[in-house]
Amino acid sequence: MARPSLYPPELRERAVRMVTEIRPNYPTEWAAMKAVAAKLGIGAAETVRTWVRKARVDTGERPGTTSEEAVEIKRLRAENAELRRANEILKAASAFFAAELDRPSTRS
């Protein structure tokens, strides 16, 4: 289970928007990200960098797995694991009942 985020989604969106808006005022994108992190009280500029990269993937500007796709993959993996568990239970039950049918009956 993922830990809850320290920052609300609105702050993330604002930080991403600010980086885009103030980028021309700085020599590098990293400098703009550090400035945004400092202005918004975000502990590390790396956090802002991660949000910007994720936003760009979600909008199709960068290749990668979007947030929606990641949620769907997680759901499908959980479903797959559950189906594998159910399949193992059914195999065990099948083997048990096959063994029961092979035993000679003691009833007359």
PDB file of N, CA and C in Angstrom:
ATOM      1  N   MET A   1       0.838  -1.178   0.000  1.00  0.00           N
ATOM      2  CA  MET A   1       0.000   0.000   0.000  1.00  0.00           C
ATOM      3  C   MET A   1       0.883   1.240   0.000  1.00  0.00           C
ATOM      4  N   ALA A   2       0.582   2.159  -0.874  1.00  0.00           N
ATOM      5  CA  ALA A   2       1.378   3.380  -0.984  1.00  0.00           C
ATOM      6  C   ALA A   2       1.099   4.305   0.188  1.00  0.00           C
ATOM      7  N   ARG A   3       2.112   5.043   0.556  1.00  0.00           N
ATOM      8  CA  ARG A   3       1.917   5.995   1.658  1.00  0.00           C
ATOM      9  C   ARG A   3       1.184   7.219   1.134  1.00  0.00           C
ATOM     10  N   PRO A   4       0.410   7.861   1.979  1.00  0.00           N
ATOM     11  CA  PRO A   4      -0.317   9.045   1.529  1.00  0.00           C
ATOM     12  C   PRO A   4       0.653  10.179   1.197  1.00  0.00           C
ATOM     13  N   SER A   5       0.260  11.009   0.250  1.00  0.00           N
ATOM     14  CA  SER A   5       1.108  12.114  -0.186  1.00  0.00           C
ATOM     15  C   SER A   5       1.148  13.213   0.876  1.00  0.00           C
ATOM     16  N   LEU A   6       2.314  13.832   0.984  1.00  0.00           N
ATOM     17  CA  LEU A   6       2.458  14.947   1.917  1.00  0.00           C
ATOM     18  C   LEU A   6       1.840  16.227   1.359  1.00  0.00           C
ATOM     19  N   TYR A   7       1.678  16.261   0.037  1.00  0.00           N
ATOM     20  CA  TYR A   7       1.214  17.471  -0.631  1.00  0.00           C
ATOM     21  C   TYR A   7      -0.109  17.212  -1.349  1.00  0.00           C
ATOM     22  N   PRO A   8      -1.056  18.138  -1.232  1.00  0.00           N
ATOM     23  CA  PRO A   8      -2.345  17.958  -1.916  1.00  0.00           C
ATOM     24  C   PRO A   8      -2.195  18.089  -3.434  1.00  0.00           C
ATOM     25  N   PRO A   9      -3.097  17.471  -4.189  1.00  0.00           N
ATOM     26  CA  PRO A   9      -3.034  17.535  -5.656  1.00  0.00           C
ATOM     27  C   PRO A   9      -3.031  18.960  -6.200  1.00  0.00           C
ATOM     28  N   GLU A  10      -3.742  19.867  -5.532  1.00  0.00           N
ATOM     29  CA  GLU A  10      -3.793  21.251  -6.003  1.00  0.00           C
ATOM     30  C   GLU A  10      -2.406  21.891  -5.980  1.00  0.00           C
ATOM     31  N   LEU A  11      -1.628  21.581  -4.939  1.00  0.00           N
ATOM     32  CA  LEU A  11      -0.275  22.124  -4.831  1.00  0.00           C
ATOM     33  C   LEU A  11       0.611  21.555  -5.941  1.00  0.00           C
ATOM     34  N   ARG A  12       0.453  20.276  -6.221  1.00  0.00           N
ATOM     35  CA  ARG A  12       1.228  19.662  -7.303  1.00  0.00           C
ATOM     36  C   ARG A  12       0.940  20.347  -8.638  1.00  0.00           C
ATOM     37  N   GLU A  13      -0.354  20.515  -8.928  1.00  0.00           N
ATOM     38  CA  GLU A  13      -0.746  21.156 -10.185  1.00  0.00           C
ATOM     39  C   GLU A  13      -0.204  22.574 -10.267  1.00  0.00           C
ATOM     40  N   ARG A  14      -0.266  23.283  -9.154  1.00  0.00           N
ATOM     41  CA  ARG A  14       0.225  24.667  -9.123  1.00  0.00           C
ATOM     42  C   ARG A  14       1.730  24.702  -9.360  1.00  0.00           C
ATOM     43  N   ALA A  15       2.456  23.786  -8.744  1.00  0.00           N
ATOM     44  CA  ALA A  15       3.908  23.740  -8.912  1.00  0.00           C
ATOM     45  C   ALA A  15       4.278  23.461 -10.369  1.00  0.00           C
ATOM     46  N   VAL A  16       3.597  22.512 -10.988  1.00  0.00           N
ATOM     47  CA  VAL A  16       3.868  22.184 -12.393  1.00  0.00           C
ATOM     48  C   VAL A  16       3.583  23.390 -13.284  1.00  0.00           C
ATOM     49  N   ARG A  17       2.473  24.040 -13.030  1.00  0.00           N
ATOM     50  CA  ARG A  17       2.096  25.226 -13.804  1.00  0.00           C
ATOM     51  C   ARG A  17       3.142  26.342 -13.626  1.00  0.00           C
ATOM     52  N   MET A  18       3.574  26.534 -12.379  1.00  0.00           N
ATOM     53  CA  MET A  18       4.557  27.586 -12.109  1.00  0.00           C
ATOM     54  C   MET A  18       5.887  27.320 -12.818  1.00  0.00           C
ATOM     55  N   VAL A  19       6.322  26.062 -12.823  1.00  0.00           N
ATOM     56  CA  VAL A  19       7.583  25.733 -13.499  1.00  0.00           C
ATOM     57  C   VAL A  19       7.480  26.106 -14.970  1.00  0.00           C
ATOM     58  N   THR A  20       6.349  25.763 -15.585  1.00  0.00           N
ATOM     59  CA  THR A  20       6.146  26.082 -17.001  1.00  0.00           C
ATOM     60  C   THR A  20       6.147  27.594 -17.226  1.00  0.00           C
ATOM     61  N   GLU A  21       5.503  28.323 -16.325  1.00  0.00           N
ATOM     62  CA  GLU A  21       5.383  29.771 -16.490  1.00  0.00           C
ATOM     63  C   GLU A  21       6.692  30.517 -16.263  1.00  0.00           C
ATOM     64  N   ILE A  22       7.476  30.096 -15.274  1.00  0.00           N
ATOM     65  CA  ILE A  22       8.685  30.855 -14.940  1.00  0.00           C
ATOM     66  C   ILE A  22       9.945  30.301 -15.593  1.00  0.00           C
ATOM     67  N   ARG A  23       9.840  29.205 -16.303  1.00  0.00           N
ATOM     68  CA  ARG A  23      11.015  28.590 -16.937  1.00  0.00           C
ATOM     69  C   ARG A  23      11.834  29.574 -17.781  1.00  0.00           C
ATOM     70  N   PRO A  24      11.201  30.452 -18.577  1.00  0.00           N
ATOM     71  CA  PRO A  24      11.998  31.390 -19.394  1.00  0.00           C
ATOM     72  C   PRO A  24      12.862  32.352 -18.566  1.00  0.00           C
ATOM     73  N   ASN A  25      12.524  32.546 -17.305  1.00  0.00           N
ATOM     74  CA  ASN A  25      13.266  33.479 -16.449  1.00  0.00           C
ATOM     75  C   ASN A  25      14.526  32.866 -15.833  1.00  0.00           C
ATOM     76  N   TYR A  26      14.755  31.570 -16.059  1.00  0.00           N
ATOM     77  CA  TYR A  26      15.882  30.875 -15.442  1.00  0.00           C
ATOM     78  C   TYR A  26      16.748  30.213 -16.505  1.00  0.00           C
ATOM     79  N   PRO A  27      18.035  30.061 -16.218  1.00  0.00           N
ATOM     80  CA  PRO A  27      18.936  29.476 -17.222  1.00  0.00           C
ATOM     81  C   PRO A  27      18.650  28.000 -17.515  1.00  0.00           C
ATOM     82  N   THR A  28      18.144  27.276 -16.516  1.00  0.00           N
ATOM     83  CA  THR A  28      17.828  25.854 -16.709  1.00  0.00           C
ATOM     84  C   THR A  28      16.473  25.537 -16.103  1.00  0.00           C
ATOM     85  N   GLU A  29      15.927  24.444 -16.527  1.00  0.00           N
ATOM     86  CA  GLU A  29      14.654  23.999 -15.954  1.00  0.00           C
ATOM     87  C   GLU A  29      14.840  23.631 -14.484  1.00  0.00           C
ATOM     88  N   TRP A  30      15.982  23.037 -14.170  1.00  0.00           N
ATOM     89  CA  TRP A  30      16.259  22.656 -12.781  1.00  0.00           C
ATOM     90  C   TRP A  30      16.257  23.877 -11.871  1.00  0.00           C
ATOM     91  N   ALA A  31      16.832  24.981 -12.333  1.00  0.00           N
ATOM     92  CA  ALA A  31      16.836  26.216 -11.542  1.00  0.00           C
ATOM     93  C   ALA A  31      15.408  26.701 -11.302  1.00  0.00           C
ATOM     94  N   ALA A  32      14.564  26.604 -12.313  1.00  0.00           N
ATOM     95  CA  ALA A  32      13.159  26.995 -12.160  1.00  0.00           C
ATOM     96  C   ALA A  32      12.461  26.076 -11.153  1.00  0.00           C
ATOM     97  N   MET A  33      12.759  24.801 -11.203  1.00  0.00           N
ATOM     98  CA  MET A  33      12.148  23.846 -10.267  1.00  0.00           C
ATOM     99  C   MET A  33      12.593  24.128  -8.839  1.00  0.00           C
ATOM    100  N   LYS A  34      13.868  24.453  -8.651  1.00  0.00           N
ATOM    101  CA  LYS A  34      14.358  24.786  -7.307  1.00  0.00           C
ATOM    102  C   LYS A  34      13.672  26.042  -6.791  1.00  0.00           C
ATOM    103  N   ALA A  35      13.471  27.021  -7.667  1.00  0.00           N
ATOM    104  CA  ALA A  35      12.811  28.270  -7.251  1.00  0.00           C
ATOM    105  C   ALA A  35      11.356  28.010  -6.853  1.00  0.00           C
ATOM    106  N   VAL A  36      10.663  27.191  -7.633  1.00  0.00           N
ATOM    107  CA  VAL A  36       9.259  26.870  -7.322  1.00  0.00           C
ATOM    108  C   VAL A  36       9.178  26.118  -6.001  1.00  0.00           C
ATOM    109  N   ALA A  37      10.062  25.157  -5.802  1.00  0.00           N
ATOM    110  CA  ALA A  37      10.062  24.395  -4.544  1.00  0.00           C
ATOM    111  C   ALA A  37      10.256  25.328  -3.356  1.00  0.00           C
ATOM    112  N   ALA A  38      11.179  26.267  -3.488  1.00  0.00           N
ATOM    113  CA  ALA A  38      11.435  27.211  -2.394  1.00  0.00           C
ATOM    114  C   ALA A  38      10.226  28.118  -2.160  1.00  0.00           C
ATOM    115  N   LYS A  39       9.615  28.623  -3.238  1.00  0.00           N
ATOM    116  CA  LYS A  39       8.468  29.532  -3.106  1.00  0.00           C
ATOM    117  C   LYS A  39       7.260  28.857  -2.474  1.00  0.00           C
ATOM    118  N   LEU A  40       7.060  27.571  -2.787  1.00  0.00           N
ATOM    119  CA  LEU A  40       5.872  26.860  -2.287  1.00  0.00           C
ATOM    120  C   LEU A  40       6.139  26.078  -1.000  1.00  0.00           C
ATOM    121  N   GLY A  41       7.363  26.112  -0.515  1.00  0.00           N
ATOM    122  CA  GLY A  41       7.688  25.416   0.725  1.00  0.00           C
ATOM    123  C   GLY A  41       7.744  23.903   0.565  1.00  0.00           C
ATOM    124  N   ILE A  42       8.134  23.460  -0.612  1.00  0.00           N
ATOM    125  CA  ILE A  42       8.268  22.027  -0.872  1.00  0.00           C
ATOM    126  C   ILE A  42       9.690  21.645  -0.499  1.00  0.00           C
ATOM    127  N   GLY A  43       9.822  20.612   0.308  1.00  0.00           N
ATOM    128  CA  GLY A  43      11.114  20.237   0.872  1.00  0.00           C
ATOM    129  C   GLY A  43      12.239  20.029  -0.118  1.00  0.00           C
ATOM    130  N   ALA A  44      11.966  19.419  -1.258  1.00  0.00           N
ATOM    131  CA  ALA A  44      13.045  19.108  -2.194  1.00  0.00           C
ATOM    132  C   ALA A  44      12.616  19.454  -3.618  1.00  0.00           C
ATOM    133  N   ALA A  45      13.538  20.030  -4.360  1.00  0.00           N
ATOM    134  CA  ALA A  45      13.254  20.351  -5.761  1.00  0.00           C
ATOM    135  C   ALA A  45      13.031  19.068  -6.565  1.00  0.00           C
ATOM    136  N   GLU A  46      13.628  17.987  -6.128  1.00  0.00           N
ATOM    137  CA  GLU A  46      13.431  16.694  -6.811  1.00  0.00           C
ATOM    138  C   GLU A  46      11.957  16.309  -6.818  1.00  0.00           C
ATOM    139  N   THR A  47      11.236  16.653  -5.775  1.00  0.00           N
ATOM    140  CA  THR A  47       9.803  16.388  -5.723  1.00  0.00           C
ATOM    141  C   THR A  47       9.096  17.121  -6.856  1.00  0.00           C
ATOM    142  N   VAL A  48       9.434  18.363  -7.049  1.00  0.00           N
ATOM    143  CA  VAL A  48       8.829  19.152  -8.127  1.00  0.00           C
ATOM    144  C   VAL A  48       9.215  18.560  -9.484  1.00  0.00           C
ATOM    145  N   ARG A  49      10.482  18.148  -9.628  1.00  0.00           N
ATOM    146  CA  ARG A  49      10.924  17.547 -10.881  1.00  0.00           C
ATOM    147  C   ARG A  49      10.097  16.296 -11.207  1.00  0.00           C
ATOM    148  N   THR A  50       9.854  15.477 -10.219  1.00  0.00           N
ATOM    149  CA  THR A  50       9.047  14.267 -10.404  1.00  0.00           C
ATOM    150  C   THR A  50       7.634  14.625 -10.852  1.00  0.00           C
ATOM    151  N   TRP A  51       7.039  15.636 -10.226  1.00  0.00           N
ATOM    152  CA  TRP A  51       5.686  16.054 -10.608  1.00  0.00           C
ATOM    153  C   TRP A  51       5.650  16.566 -12.037  1.00  0.00           C
ATOM    154  N   VAL A  52       6.653  17.341 -12.417  1.00  0.00           N
ATOM    155  CA  VAL A  52       6.700  17.895 -13.777  1.00  0.00           C
ATOM    156  C   VAL A  52       6.829  16.761 -14.785  1.00  0.00           C
ATOM    157  N   ARG A  53       7.718  15.812 -14.531  1.00  0.00           N
ATOM    158  CA  ARG A  53       7.905  14.685 -15.455  1.00  0.00           C
ATOM    159  C   ARG A  53       6.618  13.878 -15.587  1.00  0.00           C
ATOM    160  N   LYS A  54       5.965  13.620 -14.477  1.00  0.00           N
ATOM    161  CA  LYS A  54       4.715  12.838 -14.487  1.00  0.00           C
ATOM    162  C   LYS A  54       3.627  13.578 -15.259  1.00  0.00           C
ATOM    163  N   ALA A  55       3.532  14.884 -15.050  1.00  0.00           N
ATOM    164  CA  ALA A  55       2.531  15.686 -15.765  1.00  0.00           C
ATOM    165  C   ALA A  55       2.789  15.645 -17.267  1.00  0.00           C
ATOM    166  N   ARG A  56       4.045  15.670 -17.653  1.00  0.00           N
ATOM    167  CA  ARG A  56       4.372  15.616 -19.081  1.00  0.00           C
ATOM    168  C   ARG A  56       4.055  14.259 -19.690  1.00  0.00           C
ATOM    169  N   VAL A  57       4.227  13.207 -18.936  1.00  0.00           N
ATOM    170  CA  VAL A  57       3.842  11.873 -19.422  1.00  0.00           C
ATOM    171  C   VAL A  57       2.322  11.812 -19.556  1.00  0.00           C
ATOM    172  N   ASP A  58       1.624  12.319 -18.557  1.00  0.00           N
ATOM    173  CA  ASP A  58       0.156  12.287 -18.579  1.00  0.00           C
ATOM    174  C   ASP A  58      -0.434  13.087 -19.738  1.00  0.00           C
ATOM    175  N   THR A  59       0.248  14.158 -20.144  1.00  0.00           N
ATOM    176  CA  THR A  59      -0.266  14.965 -21.255  1.00  0.00           C
ATOM    177  C   THR A  59       0.261  14.494 -22.606  1.00  0.00           C
ATOM    178  N   GLY A  60       1.131  13.500 -22.597  1.00  0.00           N
ATOM    179  CA  GLY A  60       1.645  12.954 -23.847  1.00  0.00           C
ATOM    180  C   GLY A  60       2.877  13.662 -24.380  1.00  0.00           C
ATOM    181  N   GLU A  61       3.416  14.600 -23.624  1.00  0.00           N
ATOM    182  CA  GLU A  61       4.613  15.315 -24.058  1.00  0.00           C
ATOM    183  C   GLU A  61       5.858  14.444 -23.964  1.00  0.00           C
ATOM    184  N   ARG A  62       5.832  13.473 -23.077  1.00  0.00           N
ATOM    185  CA  ARG A  62       6.954  12.550 -22.873  1.00  0.00           C
ATOM    186  C   ARG A  62       6.435  11.127 -22.967  1.00  0.00           C
ATOM    187  N   PRO A  63       7.268  10.205 -23.425  1.00  0.00           N
ATOM    188  CA  PRO A  63       6.843   8.806 -23.435  1.00  0.00           C
ATOM    189  C   PRO A  63       6.841   8.244 -22.010  1.00  0.00           C
ATOM    190  N   GLY A  64       6.023   7.263 -21.781  1.00  0.00           N
ATOM    191  CA  GLY A  64       5.983   6.624 -20.468  1.00  0.00           C
ATOM    192  C   GLY A  64       4.587   6.175 -20.122  1.00  0.00           C
ATOM    193  N   THR A  65       4.466   5.592 -18.961  1.00  0.00           N
ATOM    194  CA  THR A  65       3.187   5.097 -18.466  1.00  0.00           C
ATOM    195  C   THR A  65       2.449   6.230 -17.773  1.00  0.00           C
ATOM    196  N   THR A  66       1.242   6.530 -18.254  1.00  0.00           N
ATOM    197  CA  THR A  66       0.458   7.604 -17.648  1.00  0.00           C
ATOM    198  C   THR A  66      -0.083   7.163 -16.296  1.00  0.00           C
ATOM    199  N   SER A  67      -0.581   8.112 -15.528  1.00  0.00           N
ATOM    200  CA  SER A  67      -1.151   7.813 -14.211  1.00  0.00           C
ATOM    201  C   SER A  67      -2.328   6.854 -14.341  1.00  0.00           C
ATOM    202  N   GLU A  68      -3.184   7.086 -15.335  1.00  0.00           N
ATOM    203  CA  GLU A  68      -4.340   6.202 -15.541  1.00  0.00           C
ATOM    204  C   GLU A  68      -3.904   4.794 -15.888  1.00  0.00           C
ATOM    205  N   GLU A  69      -2.892   4.690 -16.743  1.00  0.00           N
ATOM    206  CA  GLU A  69      -2.385   3.369 -17.115  1.00  0.00           C
ATOM    207  C   GLU A  69      -1.773   2.669 -15.912  1.00  0.00           C
ATOM    208  N   ALA A  70      -1.073   3.402 -15.069  1.00  0.00           N
ATOM    209  CA  ALA A  70      -0.461   2.812 -13.880  1.00  0.00           C
ATOM    210  C   ALA A  70      -1.525   2.257 -12.936  1.00  0.00           C
ATOM    211  N   VAL A  71      -2.623   2.993 -12.782  1.00  0.00           N
ATOM    212  CA  VAL A  71      -3.719   2.521 -11.926  1.00  0.00           C
ATOM    213  C   VAL A  71      -4.335   1.250 -12.513  1.00  0.00           C
ATOM    214  N   GLU A  72      -4.533   1.237 -13.826  1.00  0.00           N
ATOM    215  CA  GLU A  72      -5.106   0.064 -14.490  1.00  0.00           C
ATOM    216  C   GLU A  72      -4.169  -1.139 -14.392  1.00  0.00           C
ATOM    217  N   ILE A  73      -2.881  -0.920 -14.561  1.00  0.00           N
ATOM    218  CA  ILE A  73      -1.911  -2.016 -14.440  1.00  0.00           C
ATOM    219  C   ILE A  73      -1.931  -2.588 -13.026  1.00  0.00           C
ATOM    220  N   LYS A  74      -1.989  -1.716 -12.042  1.00  0.00           N
ATOM    221  CA  LYS A  74      -2.036  -2.172 -10.643  1.00  0.00           C
ATOM    222  C   LYS A  74      -3.290  -3.003 -10.395  1.00  0.00           C
ATOM    223  N   ARG A  75      -4.426  -2.540 -10.919  1.00  0.00           N
ATOM    224  CA  ARG A  75      -5.687  -3.278 -10.746  1.00  0.00           C
ATOM    225  C   ARG A  75      -5.611  -4.639 -11.428  1.00  0.00           C
ATOM    226  N   LEU A  76      -5.070  -4.672 -12.635  1.00  0.00           N
ATOM    227  CA  LEU A  76      -4.974  -5.926 -13.380  1.00  0.00           C
ATOM    228  C   LEU A  76      -4.006  -6.907 -12.708  1.00  0.00           C
ATOM    229  N   ARG A  77      -2.928  -6.398 -12.138  1.00  0.00           N
ATOM    230  CA  ARG A  77      -1.993  -7.281 -11.420  1.00  0.00           C
ATOM    231  C   ARG A  77      -2.655  -7.901 -10.203  1.00  0.00           C
ATOM    232  N   ALA A  78      -3.421  -7.109  -9.470  1.00  0.00           N
ATOM    233  CA  ALA A  78      -4.126  -7.632  -8.305  1.00  0.00           C
ATOM    234  C   ALA A  78      -5.156  -8.681  -8.732  1.00  0.00           C
ATOM    235  N   GLU A  79      -5.871  -8.393  -9.804  1.00  0.00           N
ATOM    236  CA  GLU A  79      -6.858  -9.345 -10.321  1.00  0.00           C
ATOM    237  C   GLU A  79      -6.174 -10.631 -10.779  1.00  0.00           C
ATOM    238  N   ASN A  80      -5.044 -10.492 -11.455  1.00  0.00           N
ATOM    239  CA  ASN A  80      -4.288 -11.638 -11.928  1.00  0.00           C
ATOM    240  C   ASN A  80      -3.823 -12.509 -10.745  1.00  0.00           C
ATOM    241  N   ALA A  81      -3.331 -11.868  -9.697  1.00  0.00           N
ATOM    242  CA  ALA A  81      -2.890 -12.603  -8.507  1.00  0.00           C
ATOM    243  C   ALA A  81      -4.050 -13.357  -7.876  1.00  0.00           C
ATOM    244  N   GLU A  82      -5.204 -12.714  -7.801  1.00  0.00           N
ATOM    245  CA  GLU A  82      -6.391 -13.364  -7.227  1.00  0.00           C
ATOM    246  C   GLU A  82      -6.808 -14.562  -8.076  1.00  0.00           C
ATOM    247  N   LEU A  83      -6.771 -14.412  -9.391  1.00  0.00           N
ATOM    248  CA  LEU A  83      -7.134 -15.523 -10.275  1.00  0.00           C
ATOM    249  C   LEU A  83      -6.136 -16.672 -10.152  1.00  0.00           C
ATOM    250  N   ARG A  84      -4.862 -16.364  -9.986  1.00  0.00           N
ATOM    251  CA  ARG A  84      -3.859 -17.416  -9.786  1.00  0.00           C
ATOM    252  C   ARG A  84      -4.121 -18.174  -8.488  1.00  0.00           C
ATOM    253  N   ARG A  85      -4.458 -17.439  -7.423  1.00  0.00           N
ATOM    254  CA  ARG A  85      -4.780 -18.099  -6.138  1.00  0.00           C
ATOM    255  C   ARG A  85      -5.995 -19.003  -6.295  1.00  0.00           C
ATOM    256  N   ALA A  86      -7.027 -18.498  -6.957  1.00  0.00           N
ATOM    257  CA  ALA A  86      -8.235 -19.301  -7.165  1.00  0.00           C
ATOM    258  C   ALA A  86      -7.919 -20.534  -8.000  1.00  0.00           C
ATOM    259  N   ASN A  87      -7.078 -20.385  -9.004  1.00  0.00           N
ATOM    260  CA  ASN A  87      -6.695 -21.499  -9.858  1.00  0.00           C
ATOM    261  C   ASN A  87      -5.954 -22.574  -9.046  1.00  0.00           C
ATOM    262  N   GLU A  88      -5.056 -22.153  -8.154  1.00  0.00           N
ATOM    263  CA  GLU A  88      -4.331 -23.112  -7.313  1.00  0.00           C
ATOM    264  C   GLU A  88      -5.289 -23.858  -6.391  1.00  0.00           C
ATOM    265  N   ILE A  89      -6.266 -23.158  -5.859  1.00  0.00           N
ATOM    266  CA  ILE A  89      -7.262 -23.807  -4.994  1.00  0.00           C
ATOM    267  C   ILE A  89      -8.057 -24.835  -5.793  1.00  0.00           C
ATOM    268  N   LEU A  90      -8.466 -24.461  -6.997  1.00  0.00           N
ATOM    269  CA  LEU A  90      -9.225 -25.389  -7.843  1.00  0.00           C
ATOM    270  C   LEU A  90      -8.386 -26.604  -8.236  1.00  0.00           C
ATOM    271  N   LYS A  91      -7.104 -26.420  -8.511  1.00  0.00           N
ATOM    272  CA  LYS A  91      -6.230 -27.549  -8.829  1.00  0.00           C
ATOM    273  C   LYS A  91      -6.121 -28.501  -7.641  1.00  0.00           C
ATOM    274  N   ALA A  92      -5.942 -27.932  -6.449  1.00  0.00           N
ATOM    275  CA  ALA A  92      -5.832 -28.756  -5.243  1.00  0.00           C
ATOM    276  C   ALA A  92      -7.128 -29.517  -4.990  1.00  0.00           C
ATOM    277  N   ALA A  93      -8.263 -28.844  -5.171  1.00  0.00           N
ATOM    278  CA  ALA A  93      -9.554 -29.501  -4.964  1.00  0.00           C
ATOM    279  C   ALA A  93      -9.756 -30.600  -6.000  1.00  0.00           C
ATOM    280  N   SER A  94      -9.381 -30.337  -7.231  1.00  0.00           N
ATOM    281  CA  SER A  94      -9.513 -31.326  -8.296  1.00  0.00           C
ATOM    282  C   SER A  94      -8.677 -32.564  -7.982  1.00  0.00           C
ATOM    283  N   ALA A  95      -7.452 -32.360  -7.540  1.00  0.00           N
ATOM    284  CA  ALA A  95      -6.584 -33.495  -7.186  1.00  0.00           C
ATOM    285  C   ALA A  95      -7.168 -34.267  -6.013  1.00  0.00           C
ATOM    286  N   PHE A  96      -7.700 -33.571  -5.041  1.00  0.00           N
ATOM    287  CA  PHE A  96      -8.298 -34.230  -3.878  1.00  0.00           C
ATOM    288  C   PHE A  96      -9.475 -35.102  -4.290  1.00  0.00           C
ATOM    289  N   PHE A  97     -10.386 -34.553  -5.094  1.00  0.00           N
ATOM    290  CA  PHE A  97     -11.562 -35.317  -5.500  1.00  0.00           C
ATOM    291  C   PHE A  97     -11.208 -36.448  -6.462  1.00  0.00           C
ATOM    292  N   ALA A  98     -10.191 -36.270  -7.283  1.00  0.00           N
ATOM    293  CA  ALA A  98      -9.748 -37.355  -8.163  1.00  0.00           C
ATOM    294  C   ALA A  98      -9.199 -38.499  -7.332  1.00  0.00           C
ATOM    295  N   ALA A  99      -8.459 -38.194  -6.274  1.00  0.00           N
ATOM    296  CA  ALA A  99      -7.930 -39.229  -5.382  1.00  0.00           C
ATOM    297  C   ALA A  99      -9.069 -39.940  -4.665  1.00  0.00           C
ATOM    298  N   GLU A 100     -10.103 -39.223  -4.290  1.00  0.00           N
ATOM    299  CA  GLU A 100     -11.265 -39.830  -3.620  1.00  0.00           C
ATOM    300  C   GLU A 100     -11.975 -40.811  -4.553  1.00  0.00           C
ATOM    301  N   LEU A 101     -12.069 -40.471  -5.829  1.00  0.00           N
ATOM    302  CA  LEU A 101     -12.744 -41.354  -6.792  1.00  0.00           C
ATOM    303  C   LEU A 101     -11.936 -42.616  -7.057  1.00  0.00           C
ATOM    304  N   ASP A 102     -10.614 -42.531  -6.936  1.00  0.00           N
ATOM    305  CA  ASP A 102      -9.752 -43.678  -7.193  1.00  0.00           C
ATOM    306  C   ASP A 102      -9.720 -44.666  -6.030  1.00  0.00           C
ATOM    307  N   ARG A 103     -10.116 -44.253  -4.833  1.00  0.00           N
ATOM    308  CA  ARG A 103     -10.086 -45.135  -3.656  1.00  0.00           C
ATOM    309  C   ARG A 103     -11.219 -46.152  -3.758  1.00  0.00           C
ATOM    310  N   PRO A 104     -10.901 -47.383  -3.379  1.00  0.00           N
ATOM    311  CA  PRO A 104     -11.977 -48.390  -3.357  1.00  0.00           C
ATOM    312  C   PRO A 104     -12.974 -48.062  -2.249  1.00  0.00           C
ATOM    313  N   SER A 105     -14.202 -48.243  -2.550  1.00  0.00           N
ATOM    314  CA  SER A 105     -15.255 -47.949  -1.588  1.00  0.00           C
ATOM    315  C   SER A 105     -15.361 -49.107  -0.591  1.00  0.00           C
ATOM    316  N   THR A 106     -15.554 -48.768   0.694  1.00  0.00           N
ATOM    317  CA  THR A 106     -15.702 -49.795   1.742  1.00  0.00           C
ATOM    318  C   THR A 106     -17.170 -50.050   2.033  1.00  0.00           C
ATOM    319  N   ARG A 107     -18.036 -49.331   1.327  1.00  0.00           N
ATOM    320  CA  ARG A 107     -19.487 -49.497   1.555  1.00  0.00           C
ATOM    321  C   ARG A 107     -19.988 -50.651   0.691  1.00  0.00           C
ATOM    322  N   SER A 108     -20.992 -51.355   1.194  1.00  0.00           N
ATOM    323  CA  SER A 108     -21.566 -52.465   0.428  1.00  0.00           C
ATOM    324  C   SER A 108     -22.827 -52.054  -0.271  1.00  0.00           C
TER     325      SER A 108
END
